[in-house]
Each structure stands twice: as C-alpha cells, then as structure tokens.
Amino acid sequence: WFKRYYPDLRVHAVNFPGDPYPIHIDATFVPLRPGLIINNP
C-alpha cells in the first residue's frame, strides 16, 4: 500500500530476527543525523 501511495519513494521491508516481540522500529534503528545511525545490537 505504501509503495502505491508514495510511488516516488523507495519502500524497504525490514525484519529483525533477534526480536521475539517485534513491534515498532524506534528502539531498534535510530538515525541521529545524515550519515549516522545507532542500531540495537
């Protein structure tokens, strides 16, 4: 649905196998500024 609604954007499906209760991305993958991300180890 996102891909069709925003045809000019790239949509990436992400799955994190280390999370037994995968809900919400913002305690896993946090961009801080262009060029830098912190990632849940």
PDB file of all heavy atoms in Angstrom:
ATOM      1  N   TRP A   1       0.829  -1.200   0.000  1.00  0.00           N
ATOM      2  CA  TRP A   1       0.000   0.000   0.000  1.00  0.00           C
ATOM      3  C   TRP A   1       0.874   1.267   0.000  1.00  0.00           C
ATOM      4  O   TRP A   1       0.623   2.214  -0.757  1.00  0.00           O
ATOM      5  CB  TRP A   1      -0.938   0.006   1.214  1.00  0.00           C
ATOM      6  CG  TRP A   1      -1.845   1.197   1.225  1.00  0.00           C
ATOM      7  CD1 TRP A   1      -3.037   1.340   0.592  1.00  0.00           C
ATOM      8  CD2 TRP A   1      -1.581   2.456   1.876  1.00  0.00           C
ATOM      9  NE1 TRP A   1      -3.542   2.601   0.802  1.00  0.00           N
ATOM     10  CE2 TRP A   1      -2.676   3.302   1.584  1.00  0.00           C
ATOM     11  CE3 TRP A   1      -0.545   2.935   2.666  1.00  0.00           C
ATOM     12  CZ2 TRP A   1      -2.757   4.609   2.063  1.00  0.00           C
ATOM     13  CZ3 TRP A   1      -0.624   4.232   3.146  1.00  0.00           C
ATOM     14  CH2 TRP A   1      -1.715   5.053   2.852  1.00  0.00           C
ATOM     15  N   PHE A   2       1.919   1.294   0.844  1.00  0.00           N
ATOM     16  CA  PHE A   2       2.838   2.438   0.874  1.00  0.00           C
ATOM     17  C   PHE A   2       3.501   2.628  -0.485  1.00  0.00           C
ATOM     18  O   PHE A   2       3.665   3.757  -0.950  1.00  0.00           O
ATOM     19  CB  PHE A   2       3.901   2.239   1.956  1.00  0.00           C
ATOM     20  CG  PHE A   2       3.520   2.786   3.295  1.00  0.00           C
ATOM     21  CD1 PHE A   2       2.979   1.966   4.273  1.00  0.00           C
ATOM     22  CD2 PHE A   2       3.702   4.123   3.591  1.00  0.00           C
ATOM     23  CE1 PHE A   2       2.617   2.468   5.511  1.00  0.00           C
ATOM     24  CE2 PHE A   2       3.354   4.647   4.829  1.00  0.00           C
ATOM     25  CZ  PHE A   2       2.806   3.808   5.797  1.00  0.00           C
ATOM     26  N   LYS A   3       3.891   1.546  -1.099  1.00  0.00           N
ATOM     27  CA  LYS A   3       4.575   1.631  -2.385  1.00  0.00           C
ATOM     28  C   LYS A   3       3.675   2.280  -3.438  1.00  0.00           C
ATOM     29  O   LYS A   3       4.121   3.093  -4.253  1.00  0.00           O
ATOM     30  CB  LYS A   3       5.013   0.232  -2.832  1.00  0.00           C
ATOM     31  CG  LYS A   3       5.832   0.216  -4.103  1.00  0.00           C
ATOM     32  CD  LYS A   3       6.331  -1.189  -4.375  1.00  0.00           C
ATOM     33  CE  LYS A   3       7.167  -1.199  -5.653  1.00  0.00           C
ATOM     34  NZ  LYS A   3       6.358  -0.913  -6.842  1.00  0.00           N
ATOM     35  N   ARG A   4       2.411   1.942  -3.425  1.00  0.00           N
ATOM     36  CA  ARG A   4       1.474   2.521  -4.397  1.00  0.00           C
ATOM     37  C   ARG A   4       1.110   3.962  -4.032  1.00  0.00           C
ATOM     38  O   ARG A   4       0.944   4.807  -4.913  1.00  0.00           O
ATOM     39  CB  ARG A   4       0.214   1.670  -4.469  1.00  0.00           C
ATOM     40  CG  ARG A   4       0.456   0.262  -4.969  1.00  0.00           C
ATOM     41  CD  ARG A   4      -0.864  -0.468  -5.151  1.00  0.00           C
ATOM     42  NE  ARG A   4      -0.668  -1.904  -5.333  1.00  0.00           N
ATOM     43  CZ  ARG A   4      -1.659  -2.752  -5.616  1.00  0.00           C
ATOM     44  NH1 ARG A   4      -2.901  -2.292  -5.736  1.00  0.00           N
ATOM     45  NH2 ARG A   4      -1.411  -4.040  -5.757  1.00  0.00           N
ATOM     46  N   TYR A   5       0.973   4.234  -2.735  1.00  0.00           N
ATOM     47  CA  TYR A   5       0.566   5.578  -2.311  1.00  0.00           C
ATOM     48  C   TYR A   5       1.690   6.585  -2.511  1.00  0.00           C
ATOM     49  O   TYR A   5       1.439   7.755  -2.824  1.00  0.00           O
ATOM     50  CB  TYR A   5       0.135   5.540  -0.843  1.00  0.00           C
ATOM     51  CG  TYR A   5      -0.534   6.815  -0.371  1.00  0.00           C
ATOM     52  CD1 TYR A   5      -1.856   7.084  -0.696  1.00  0.00           C
ATOM     53  CD2 TYR A   5       0.161   7.750   0.393  1.00  0.00           C
ATOM     54  CE1 TYR A   5      -2.480   8.252  -0.279  1.00  0.00           C
ATOM     55  CE2 TYR A   5      -0.439   8.920   0.817  1.00  0.00           C
ATOM     56  CZ  TYR A   5      -1.761   9.165   0.475  1.00  0.00           C
ATOM     57  OH  TYR A   5      -2.364  10.325   0.888  1.00  0.00           O
ATOM     58  N   TYR A   6       2.936   6.148  -2.302  1.00  0.00           N
ATOM     59  CA  TYR A   6       4.102   7.021  -2.491  1.00  0.00           C
ATOM     60  C   TYR A   6       4.998   6.437  -3.596  1.00  0.00           C
ATOM     61  O   TYR A   6       6.068   5.896  -3.323  1.00  0.00           O
ATOM     62  CB  TYR A   6       4.901   7.142  -1.191  1.00  0.00           C
ATOM     63  CG  TYR A   6       4.168   7.821  -0.056  1.00  0.00           C
ATOM     64  CD1 TYR A   6       3.807   7.105   1.091  1.00  0.00           C
ATOM     65  CD2 TYR A   6       3.840   9.171  -0.119  1.00  0.00           C
ATOM     66  CE1 TYR A   6       3.151   7.727   2.145  1.00  0.00           C
ATOM     67  CE2 TYR A   6       3.170   9.792   0.927  1.00  0.00           C
ATOM     68  CZ  TYR A   6       2.834   9.066   2.048  1.00  0.00           C
ATOM     69  OH  TYR A   6       2.176   9.682   3.087  1.00  0.00           O
ATOM     70  N   PRO A   7       4.578   6.541  -4.857  1.00  0.00           N
ATOM     71  CA  PRO A   7       5.335   5.881  -5.938  1.00  0.00           C
ATOM     72  C   PRO A   7       6.725   6.464  -6.162  1.00  0.00           C
ATOM     73  O   PRO A   7       7.567   5.793  -6.772  1.00  0.00           O
ATOM     74  CB  PRO A   7       4.434   6.100  -7.165  1.00  0.00           C
ATOM     75  CG  PRO A   7       3.604   7.305  -6.826  1.00  0.00           C
ATOM     76  CD  PRO A   7       3.377   7.228  -5.354  1.00  0.00           C
ATOM     77  N   ASP A   8       6.982   7.672  -5.682  1.00  0.00           N
ATOM     78  CA  ASP A   8       8.298   8.281  -5.876  1.00  0.00           C
ATOM     79  C   ASP A   8       9.286   7.926  -4.762  1.00  0.00           C
ATOM     80  O   ASP A   8      10.441   8.362  -4.808  1.00  0.00           O
ATOM     81  CB  ASP A   8       8.163   9.806  -5.968  1.00  0.00           C
ATOM     82  CG  ASP A   8       7.373  10.241  -7.196  1.00  0.00           C
ATOM     83  OD1 ASP A   8       7.397   9.513  -8.211  1.00  0.00           O
ATOM     84  OD2 ASP A   8       6.718  11.301  -7.131  1.00  0.00           O
ATOM     85  N   LEU A   9       8.839   7.182  -3.771  1.00  0.00           N
ATOM     86  CA  LEU A   9       9.710   6.796  -2.663  1.00  0.00           C
ATOM     87  C   LEU A   9      10.105   5.324  -2.800  1.00  0.00           C
ATOM     88  O   LEU A   9       9.403   4.528  -3.420  1.00  0.00           O
ATOM     89  CB  LEU A   9       9.003   7.008  -1.321  1.00  0.00           C
ATOM     90  CG  LEU A   9       8.482   8.412  -1.025  1.00  0.00           C
ATOM     91  CD1 LEU A   9       7.900   8.461   0.384  1.00  0.00           C
ATOM     92  CD2 LEU A   9       9.556   9.461  -1.198  1.00  0.00           C
ATOM     93  N   ARG A  10      11.232   4.980  -2.183  1.00  0.00           N
ATOM     94  CA  ARG A  10      11.636   3.584  -2.087  1.00  0.00           C
ATOM     95  C   ARG A  10      11.160   3.025  -0.755  1.00  0.00           C
ATOM     96  O   ARG A  10      11.414   3.616   0.295  1.00  0.00           O
ATOM     97  CB  ARG A  10      13.154   3.436  -2.204  1.00  0.00           C
ATOM     98  CG  ARG A  10      13.700   3.770  -3.581  1.00  0.00           C
ATOM     99  CD  ARG A  10      15.173   3.430  -3.701  1.00  0.00           C
ATOM    100  NE  ARG A  10      16.006   4.148  -2.740  1.00  0.00           N
ATOM    101  CZ  ARG A  10      17.340   4.123  -2.745  1.00  0.00           C
ATOM    102  NH1 ARG A  10      17.986   3.419  -3.657  1.00  0.00           N
ATOM    103  NH2 ARG A  10      18.034   4.811  -1.844  1.00  0.00           N
ATOM    104  N   VAL A  11      10.480   1.902  -0.804  1.00  0.00           N
ATOM    105  CA  VAL A  11       9.944   1.260   0.394  1.00  0.00           C
ATOM    106  C   VAL A  11      10.767   0.006   0.676  1.00  0.00           C
ATOM    107  O   VAL A  11      10.881  -0.875  -0.172  1.00  0.00           O
ATOM    108  CB  VAL A  11       8.460   0.899   0.208  1.00  0.00           C
ATOM    109  CG1 VAL A  11       7.943   0.131   1.421  1.00  0.00           C
ATOM    110  CG2 VAL A  11       7.632   2.165  -0.018  1.00  0.00           C
ATOM    111  N   HIS A  12      11.343  -0.045   1.869  1.00  0.00           N
ATOM    112  CA  HIS A  12      12.186  -1.170   2.279  1.00  0.00           C
ATOM    113  C   HIS A  12      11.485  -1.943   3.393  1.00  0.00           C
ATOM    114  O   HIS A  12      11.170  -1.374   4.443  1.00  0.00           O
ATOM    115  CB  HIS A  12      13.541  -0.681   2.801  1.00  0.00           C
ATOM    116  CG  HIS A  12      14.252   0.256   1.869  1.00  0.00           C
ATOM    117  ND1 HIS A  12      15.188  -0.169   0.955  1.00  0.00           N
ATOM    118  CD2 HIS A  12      14.159   1.610   1.723  1.00  0.00           C
ATOM    119  CE1 HIS A  12      15.648   0.877   0.276  1.00  0.00           C
ATOM    120  NE2 HIS A  12      15.047   1.961   0.731  1.00  0.00           N
ATOM    121  N   ALA A  13      11.246  -3.214   3.177  1.00  0.00           N
ATOM    122  CA  ALA A  13      10.690  -4.075   4.217  1.00  0.00           C
ATOM    123  C   ALA A  13      11.820  -4.552   5.119  1.00  0.00           C
ATOM    124  O   ALA A  13      12.818  -5.088   4.640  1.00  0.00           O
ATOM    125  CB  ALA A  13       9.982  -5.264   3.588  1.00  0.00           C
ATOM    126  N   VAL A  14      11.668  -4.353   6.421  1.00  0.00           N
ATOM    127  CA  VAL A  14      12.714  -4.701   7.381  1.00  0.00           C
ATOM    128  C   VAL A  14      12.156  -5.682   8.406  1.00  0.00           C
ATOM    129  O   VAL A  14      11.043  -5.506   8.910  1.00  0.00           O
ATOM    130  CB  VAL A  14      13.240  -3.443   8.104  1.00  0.00           C
ATOM    131  CG1 VAL A  14      14.391  -3.795   9.023  1.00  0.00           C
ATOM    132  CG2 VAL A  14      13.679  -2.386   7.105  1.00  0.00           C
ATOM    133  N   ASN A  15      12.933  -6.696   8.701  1.00  0.00           N
ATOM    134  CA  ASN A  15      12.576  -7.671   9.716  1.00  0.00           C
ATOM    135  C   ASN A  15      13.798  -7.909  10.598  1.00  0.00           C
ATOM    136  O   ASN A  15      14.909  -8.032  10.089  1.00  0.00           O
ATOM    137  CB  ASN A  15      12.124  -8.978   9.043  1.00  0.00           C
ATOM    138  CG  ASN A  15      11.875 -10.087  10.032  1.00  0.00           C
ATOM    139  OD1 ASN A  15      12.720 -10.964  10.199  1.00  0.00           O
ATOM    140  ND2 ASN A  15      10.734 -10.064  10.692  1.00  0.00           N
ATOM    141  N   PHE A  16      13.603  -7.935  11.907  1.00  0.00           N
ATOM    142  CA  PHE A  16      14.711  -8.108  12.845  1.00  0.00           C
ATOM    143  C   PHE A  16      14.553  -9.444  13.569  1.00  0.00           C
ATOM    144  O   PHE A  16      13.802  -9.549  14.542  1.00  0.00           O
ATOM    145  CB  PHE A  16      14.744  -6.954  13.841  1.00  0.00           C
ATOM    146  CG  PHE A  16      14.961  -5.614  13.195  1.00  0.00           C
ATOM    147  CD1 PHE A  16      13.885  -4.806  12.864  1.00  0.00           C
ATOM    148  CD2 PHE A  16      16.237  -5.171  12.886  1.00  0.00           C
ATOM    149  CE1 PHE A  16      14.079  -3.571  12.252  1.00  0.00           C
ATOM    150  CE2 PHE A  16      16.441  -3.943  12.267  1.00  0.00           C
ATOM    151  CZ  PHE A  16      15.359  -3.148  11.954  1.00  0.00           C
ATOM    152  N   PRO A  17      15.252 -10.482  13.103  1.00  0.00           N
ATOM    153  CA  PRO A  17      15.057 -11.821  13.659  1.00  0.00           C
ATOM    154  C   PRO A  17      15.394 -11.950  15.143  1.00  0.00           C
ATOM    155  O   PRO A  17      14.951 -12.897  15.783  1.00  0.00           O
ATOM    156  CB  PRO A  17      15.997 -12.690  12.805  1.00  0.00           C
ATOM    157  CG  PRO A  17      16.194 -11.909  11.547  1.00  0.00           C
ATOM    158  CD  PRO A  17      16.170 -10.479  11.967  1.00  0.00           C
ATOM    159  N   GLY A  18      16.160 -11.035  15.713  1.00  0.00           N
ATOM    160  CA  GLY A  18      16.540 -11.134  17.119  1.00  0.00           C
ATOM    161  C   GLY A  18      15.499 -10.634  18.092  1.00  0.00           C
ATOM    162  O   GLY A  18      15.728 -10.634  19.299  1.00  0.00           O
ATOM    163  N   ASP A  19      14.330 -10.204  17.595  1.00  0.00           N
ATOM    164  CA  ASP A  19      13.303  -9.620  18.456  1.00  0.00           C
ATOM    165  C   ASP A  19      12.117 -10.577  18.545  1.00  0.00           C
ATOM    166  O   ASP A  19      11.417 -10.791  17.559  1.00  0.00           O
ATOM    167  CB  ASP A  19      12.852  -8.276  17.875  1.00  0.00           C
ATOM    168  CG  ASP A  19      11.933  -7.514  18.809  1.00  0.00           C
ATOM    169  OD1 ASP A  19      11.544  -8.073  19.847  1.00  0.00           O
ATOM    170  OD2 ASP A  19      11.603  -6.358  18.491  1.00  0.00           O
ATOM    171  N   PRO A  20      11.847 -11.164  19.711  1.00  0.00           N
ATOM    172  CA  PRO A  20      10.732 -12.107  19.817  1.00  0.00           C
ATOM    173  C   PRO A  20       9.361 -11.440  19.819  1.00  0.00           C
ATOM    174  O   PRO A  20       8.350 -12.106  19.608  1.00  0.00           O
ATOM    175  CB  PRO A  20      10.992 -12.806  21.151  1.00  0.00           C
ATOM    176  CG  PRO A  20      11.734 -11.803  21.957  1.00  0.00           C
ATOM    177  CD  PRO A  20      12.583 -11.039  20.981  1.00  0.00           C
ATOM    178  N   TYR A  21       9.325 -10.114  20.082  1.00  0.00           N
ATOM    179  CA  TYR A  21       8.069  -9.368  20.088  1.00  0.00           C
ATOM    180  C   TYR A  21       8.236  -8.124  19.209  1.00  0.00           C
ATOM    181  O   TYR A  21       8.266  -6.997  19.705  1.00  0.00           O
ATOM    182  CB  TYR A  21       7.689  -8.959  21.512  1.00  0.00           C
ATOM    183  CG  TYR A  21       7.517 -10.117  22.460  1.00  0.00           C
ATOM    184  CD1 TYR A  21       8.560 -10.537  23.275  1.00  0.00           C
ATOM    185  CD2 TYR A  21       6.315 -10.801  22.525  1.00  0.00           C
ATOM    186  CE1 TYR A  21       8.409 -11.612  24.138  1.00  0.00           C
ATOM    187  CE2 TYR A  21       6.149 -11.872  23.387  1.00  0.00           C
ATOM    188  CZ  TYR A  21       7.196 -12.275  24.190  1.00  0.00           C
ATOM    189  OH  TYR A  21       7.036 -13.336  25.044  1.00  0.00           O
ATOM    190  N   PRO A  22       8.374  -8.291  17.887  1.00  0.00           N
ATOM    191  CA  PRO A  22       8.732  -7.150  17.034  1.00  0.00           C
ATOM    192  C   PRO A  22       7.574  -6.181  16.808  1.00  0.00           C
ATOM    193  O   PRO A  22       6.654  -6.439  16.037  1.00  0.00           O
ATOM    194  CB  PRO A  22       9.158  -7.828  15.726  1.00  0.00           C
ATOM    195  CG  PRO A  22       8.414  -9.120  15.709  1.00  0.00           C
ATOM    196  CD  PRO A  22       8.286  -9.552  17.131  1.00  0.00           C
ATOM    197  N   ILE A  23       7.615  -5.091  17.546  1.00  0.00           N
ATOM    198  CA  ILE A  23       6.642  -4.017  17.393  1.00  0.00           C
ATOM    199  C   ILE A  23       7.397  -2.692  17.445  1.00  0.00           C
ATOM    200  O   ILE A  23       8.065  -2.398  18.431  1.00  0.00           O
ATOM    201  CB  ILE A  23       5.579  -4.045  18.510  1.00  0.00           C
ATOM    202  CG1 ILE A  23       4.768  -5.336  18.447  1.00  0.00           C
ATOM    203  CG2 ILE A  23       4.651  -2.847  18.406  1.00  0.00           C
ATOM    204  CD1 ILE A  23       3.750  -5.473  19.564  1.00  0.00           C
ATOM    205  N   HIS A  24       7.352  -1.935  16.392  1.00  0.00           N
ATOM    206  CA  HIS A  24       7.879  -0.589  16.277  1.00  0.00           C
ATOM    207  C   HIS A  24       9.402  -0.572  16.121  1.00  0.00           C
ATOM    208  O   HIS A  24      10.124  -1.307  16.785  1.00  0.00           O
ATOM    209  CB  HIS A  24       7.413   0.300  17.431  1.00  0.00           C
ATOM    210  CG  HIS A  24       5.914   0.332  17.544  1.00  0.00           C
ATOM    211  ND1 HIS A  24       5.263   0.688  18.702  1.00  0.00           N
ATOM    212  CD2 HIS A  24       4.933   0.044  16.638  1.00  0.00           C
ATOM    213  CE1 HIS A  24       3.950   0.616  18.508  1.00  0.00           C
ATOM    214  NE2 HIS A  24       3.731   0.225  17.259  1.00  0.00           N
ATOM    215  N   ILE A  25       9.840   0.309  15.268  1.00  0.00           N
ATOM    216  CA  ILE A  25      11.231   0.300  14.823  1.00  0.00           C
ATOM    217  C   ILE A  25      12.129   1.235  15.627  1.00  0.00           C
ATOM    218  O   ILE A  25      13.349   1.136  15.573  1.00  0.00           O
ATOM    219  CB  ILE A  25      11.280   0.670  13.319  1.00  0.00           C
ATOM    220  CG1 ILE A  25      12.598   0.229  12.677  1.00  0.00           C
ATOM    221  CG2 ILE A  25      10.991   2.157  13.107  1.00  0.00           C
ATOM    222  CD1 ILE A  25      12.589   0.335  11.158  1.00  0.00           C
ATOM    223  N   ASP A  26      11.531   2.117  16.439  1.00  0.00           N
ATOM    224  CA  ASP A  26      12.306   3.210  17.022  1.00  0.00           C
ATOM    225  C   ASP A  26      13.019   2.873  18.334  1.00  0.00           C
ATOM    226  O   ASP A  26      13.525   3.777  19.013  1.00  0.00           O
ATOM    227  CB  ASP A  26      11.443   4.472  17.182  1.00  0.00           C
ATOM    228  CG  ASP A  26      10.133   4.237  17.903  1.00  0.00           C
ATOM    229  OD1 ASP A  26       9.852   3.083  18.272  1.00  0.00           O
ATOM    230  OD2 ASP A  26       9.386   5.218  18.093  1.00  0.00           O
ATOM    231  N   ALA A  27      13.076   1.585  18.693  1.00  0.00           N
ATOM    232  CA  ALA A  27      14.003   1.146  19.742  1.00  0.00           C
ATOM    233  C   ALA A  27      14.955   0.108  19.164  1.00  0.00           C
ATOM    234  O   ALA A  27      15.547  -0.690  19.900  1.00  0.00           O
ATOM    235  CB  ALA A  27      13.253   0.577  20.937  1.00  0.00           C
ATOM    236  N   THR A  28      15.091   0.159  17.852  1.00  0.00           N
ATOM    237  CA  THR A  28      15.950  -0.779  17.131  1.00  0.00           C
ATOM    238  C   THR A  28      16.886  -0.058  16.175  1.00  0.00           C
ATOM    239  O   THR A  28      18.066  -0.398  16.064  1.00  0.00           O
ATOM    240  CB  THR A  28      15.087  -1.787  16.342  1.00  0.00           C
ATOM    241  OG1 THR A  28      14.295  -2.551  17.264  1.00  0.00           O
ATOM    242  CG2 THR A  28      15.943  -2.732  15.514  1.00  0.00           C
ATOM    243  N   PHE A  29      16.389   0.989  15.543  1.00  0.00           N
ATOM    244  CA  PHE A  29      17.059   1.582  14.390  1.00  0.00           C
ATOM    245  C   PHE A  29      16.793   3.091  14.431  1.00  0.00           C
ATOM    246  O   PHE A  29      15.674   3.528  14.156  1.00  0.00           O
ATOM    247  CB  PHE A  29      16.472   0.908  13.146  1.00  0.00           C
ATOM    248  CG  PHE A  29      16.797   1.520  11.824  1.00  0.00           C
ATOM    249  CD1 PHE A  29      18.058   1.962  11.522  1.00  0.00           C
ATOM    250  CD2 PHE A  29      15.809   1.602  10.845  1.00  0.00           C
ATOM    251  CE1 PHE A  29      18.335   2.502  10.275  1.00  0.00           C
ATOM    252  CE2 PHE A  29      16.075   2.129   9.601  1.00  0.00           C
ATOM    253  CZ  PHE A  29      17.346   2.580   9.312  1.00  0.00           C
ATOM    254  N   VAL A  30      17.787   3.893  14.854  1.00  0.00           N
ATOM    255  CA  VAL A  30      17.554   5.315  15.125  1.00  0.00           C
ATOM    256  C   VAL A  30      18.585   6.184  14.396  1.00  0.00           C
ATOM    257  O   VAL A  30      19.736   6.280  14.837  1.00  0.00           O
ATOM    258  CB  VAL A  30      17.611   5.607  16.642  1.00  0.00           C
ATOM    259  CG1 VAL A  30      17.367   7.084  16.912  1.00  0.00           C
ATOM    260  CG2 VAL A  30      16.601   4.747  17.395  1.00  0.00           C
ATOM    261  N   PRO A  31      18.221   6.819  13.287  1.00  0.00           N
ATOM    262  CA  PRO A  31      19.126   7.787  12.663  1.00  0.00           C
ATOM    263  C   PRO A  31      19.260   9.034  13.538  1.00  0.00           C
ATOM    264  O   PRO A  31      18.258   9.575  14.020  1.00  0.00           O
ATOM    265  CB  PRO A  31      18.432   8.129  11.336  1.00  0.00           C
ATOM    266  CG  PRO A  31      17.414   7.057  11.123  1.00  0.00           C
ATOM    267  CD  PRO A  31      16.999   6.624  12.496  1.00  0.00           C
ATOM    268  N   LEU A  32      20.483   9.483  13.748  1.00  0.00           N
ATOM    269  CA  LEU A  32      20.737  10.670  14.562  1.00  0.00           C
ATOM    270  C   LEU A  32      20.970  11.914  13.720  1.00  0.00           C
ATOM    271  O   LEU A  32      20.664  13.027  14.144  1.00  0.00           O
ATOM    272  CB  LEU A  32      21.950  10.436  15.467  1.00  0.00           C
ATOM    273  CG  LEU A  32      21.838   9.310  16.489  1.00  0.00           C
ATOM    274  CD1 LEU A  32      23.128   9.193  17.285  1.00  0.00           C
ATOM    275  CD2 LEU A  32      20.649   9.530  17.415  1.00  0.00           C
ATOM    276  N   ARG A  33      21.544  11.718  12.563  1.00  0.00           N
ATOM    277  CA  ARG A  33      21.780  12.807  11.614  1.00  0.00           C
ATOM    278  C   ARG A  33      22.192  12.148  10.303  1.00  0.00           C
ATOM    279  O   ARG A  33      22.476  10.940  10.274  1.00  0.00           O
ATOM    280  CB  ARG A  33      22.878  13.755  12.115  1.00  0.00           C
ATOM    281  CG  ARG A  33      24.229  13.105  12.405  1.00  0.00           C
ATOM    282  CD  ARG A  33      25.272  14.136  12.820  1.00  0.00           C
ATOM    283  NE  ARG A  33      26.563  13.536  13.151  1.00  0.00           N
ATOM    284  CZ  ARG A  33      26.990  13.300  14.378  1.00  0.00           C
ATOM    285  NH1 ARG A  33      26.221  13.615  15.406  1.00  0.00           N
ATOM    286  NH2 ARG A  33      28.185  12.758  14.589  1.00  0.00           N
ATOM    287  N   PRO A  34      22.234  12.889   9.201  1.00  0.00           N
ATOM    288  CA  PRO A  34      22.681  12.271   7.951  1.00  0.00           C
ATOM    289  C   PRO A  34      24.076  11.673   8.129  1.00  0.00           C
ATOM    290  O   PRO A  34      25.010  12.346   8.545  1.00  0.00           O
ATOM    291  CB  PRO A  34      22.689  13.445   6.967  1.00  0.00           C
ATOM    292  CG  PRO A  34      21.673  14.395   7.510  1.00  0.00           C
ATOM    293  CD  PRO A  34      21.807  14.290   9.009  1.00  0.00           C
ATOM    294  N   GLY A  35      24.186  10.384   7.873  1.00  0.00           N
ATOM    295  CA  GLY A  35      25.471   9.708   7.986  1.00  0.00           C
ATOM    296  C   GLY A  35      25.681   8.911   9.253  1.00  0.00           C
ATOM    297  O   GLY A  35      26.710   8.247   9.393  1.00  0.00           O
ATOM    298  N   LEU A  36      24.727   8.915  10.197  1.00  0.00           N
ATOM    299  CA  LEU A  36      24.942   8.237  11.481  1.00  0.00           C
ATOM    300  C   LEU A  36      23.654   7.610  12.004  1.00  0.00           C
ATOM    301  O   LEU A  36      22.620   8.282  12.105  1.00  0.00           O
ATOM    302  CB  LEU A  36      25.483   9.220  12.511  1.00  0.00           C
ATOM    303  CG  LEU A  36      25.767   8.653  13.908  1.00  0.00           C
ATOM    304  CD1 LEU A  36      26.849   7.574  13.863  1.00  0.00           C
ATOM    305  CD2 LEU A  36      26.173   9.777  14.875  1.00  0.00           C
ATOM    306  N   ILE A  37      23.750   6.325  12.361  1.00  0.00           N
ATOM    307  CA  ILE A  37      22.634   5.568  12.933  1.00  0.00           C
ATOM    308  C   ILE A  37      23.128   4.814  14.161  1.00  0.00           C
ATOM    309  O   ILE A  37      24.252   4.314  14.168  1.00  0.00           O
ATOM    310  CB  ILE A  37      22.097   4.526  11.931  1.00  0.00           C
ATOM    311  CG1 ILE A  37      21.444   5.201  10.737  1.00  0.00           C
ATOM    312  CG2 ILE A  37      21.107   3.572  12.579  1.00  0.00           C
ATOM    313  CD1 ILE A  37      21.056   4.219   9.647  1.00  0.00           C
ATOM    314  N   ILE A  38      22.281   4.723  15.201  1.00  0.00           N
ATOM    315  CA  ILE A  38      22.537   3.739  16.247  1.00  0.00           C
ATOM    316  C   ILE A  38      21.570   2.583  16.039  1.00  0.00           C
ATOM    317  O   ILE A  38      20.416   2.767  15.665  1.00  0.00           O
ATOM    318  CB  ILE A  38      22.426   4.324  17.671  1.00  0.00           C
ATOM    319  CG1 ILE A  38      21.066   4.974  17.929  1.00  0.00           C
ATOM    320  CG2 ILE A  38      23.551   5.300  17.935  1.00  0.00           C
ATOM    321  CD1 ILE A  38      20.853   5.375  19.383  1.00  0.00           C
ATOM    322  N   ASN A  39      22.076   1.367  16.272  1.00  0.00           N
ATOM    323  CA  ASN A  39      21.342   0.142  15.986  1.00  0.00           C
ATOM    324  C   ASN A  39      21.362  -0.761  17.224  1.00  0.00           C
ATOM    325  O   ASN A  39      22.406  -0.949  17.836  1.00  0.00           O
ATOM    326  CB  ASN A  39      22.001  -0.552  14.797  1.00  0.00           C
ATOM    327  CG  ASN A  39      21.268  -1.778  14.280  1.00  0.00           C
ATOM    328  OD1 ASN A  39      21.823  -2.538  13.506  1.00  0.00           O
ATOM    329  ND2 ASN A  39      20.025  -1.986  14.668  1.00  0.00           N
ATOM    330  N   ASN A  40      20.217  -1.284  17.586  1.00  0.00           N
ATOM    331  CA  ASN A  40      20.129  -2.220  18.700  1.00  0.00           C
ATOM    332  C   ASN A  40      21.022  -3.430  18.414  1.00  0.00           C
ATOM    333  O   ASN A  40      20.836  -4.117  17.409  1.00  0.00           O
ATOM    334  CB  ASN A  40      18.668  -2.662  18.854  1.00  0.00           C
ATOM    335  CG  ASN A  40      18.417  -3.484  20.093  1.00  0.00           C
ATOM    336  OD1 ASN A  40      19.181  -4.383  20.421  1.00  0.00           O
ATOM    337  ND2 ASN A  40      17.322  -3.181  20.776  1.00  0.00           N
ATOM    338  N   PRO A  41      21.999  -3.723  19.274  1.00  0.00           N
ATOM    339  CA  PRO A  41      22.941  -4.809  18.980  1.00  0.00           C
ATOM    340  C   PRO A  41      22.309  -6.195  19.007  1.00  0.00           C
ATOM    341  O   PRO A  41      22.896  -7.147  18.474  1.00  0.00           O
ATOM    342  CB  PRO A  41      24.000  -4.666  20.082  1.00  0.00           C
ATOM    343  CG  PRO A  41      23.313  -3.940  21.186  1.00  0.00           C
ATOM    344  CD  PRO A  41      22.343  -3.016  20.523  1.00  0.00           C
TER     345      PRO A  41
END
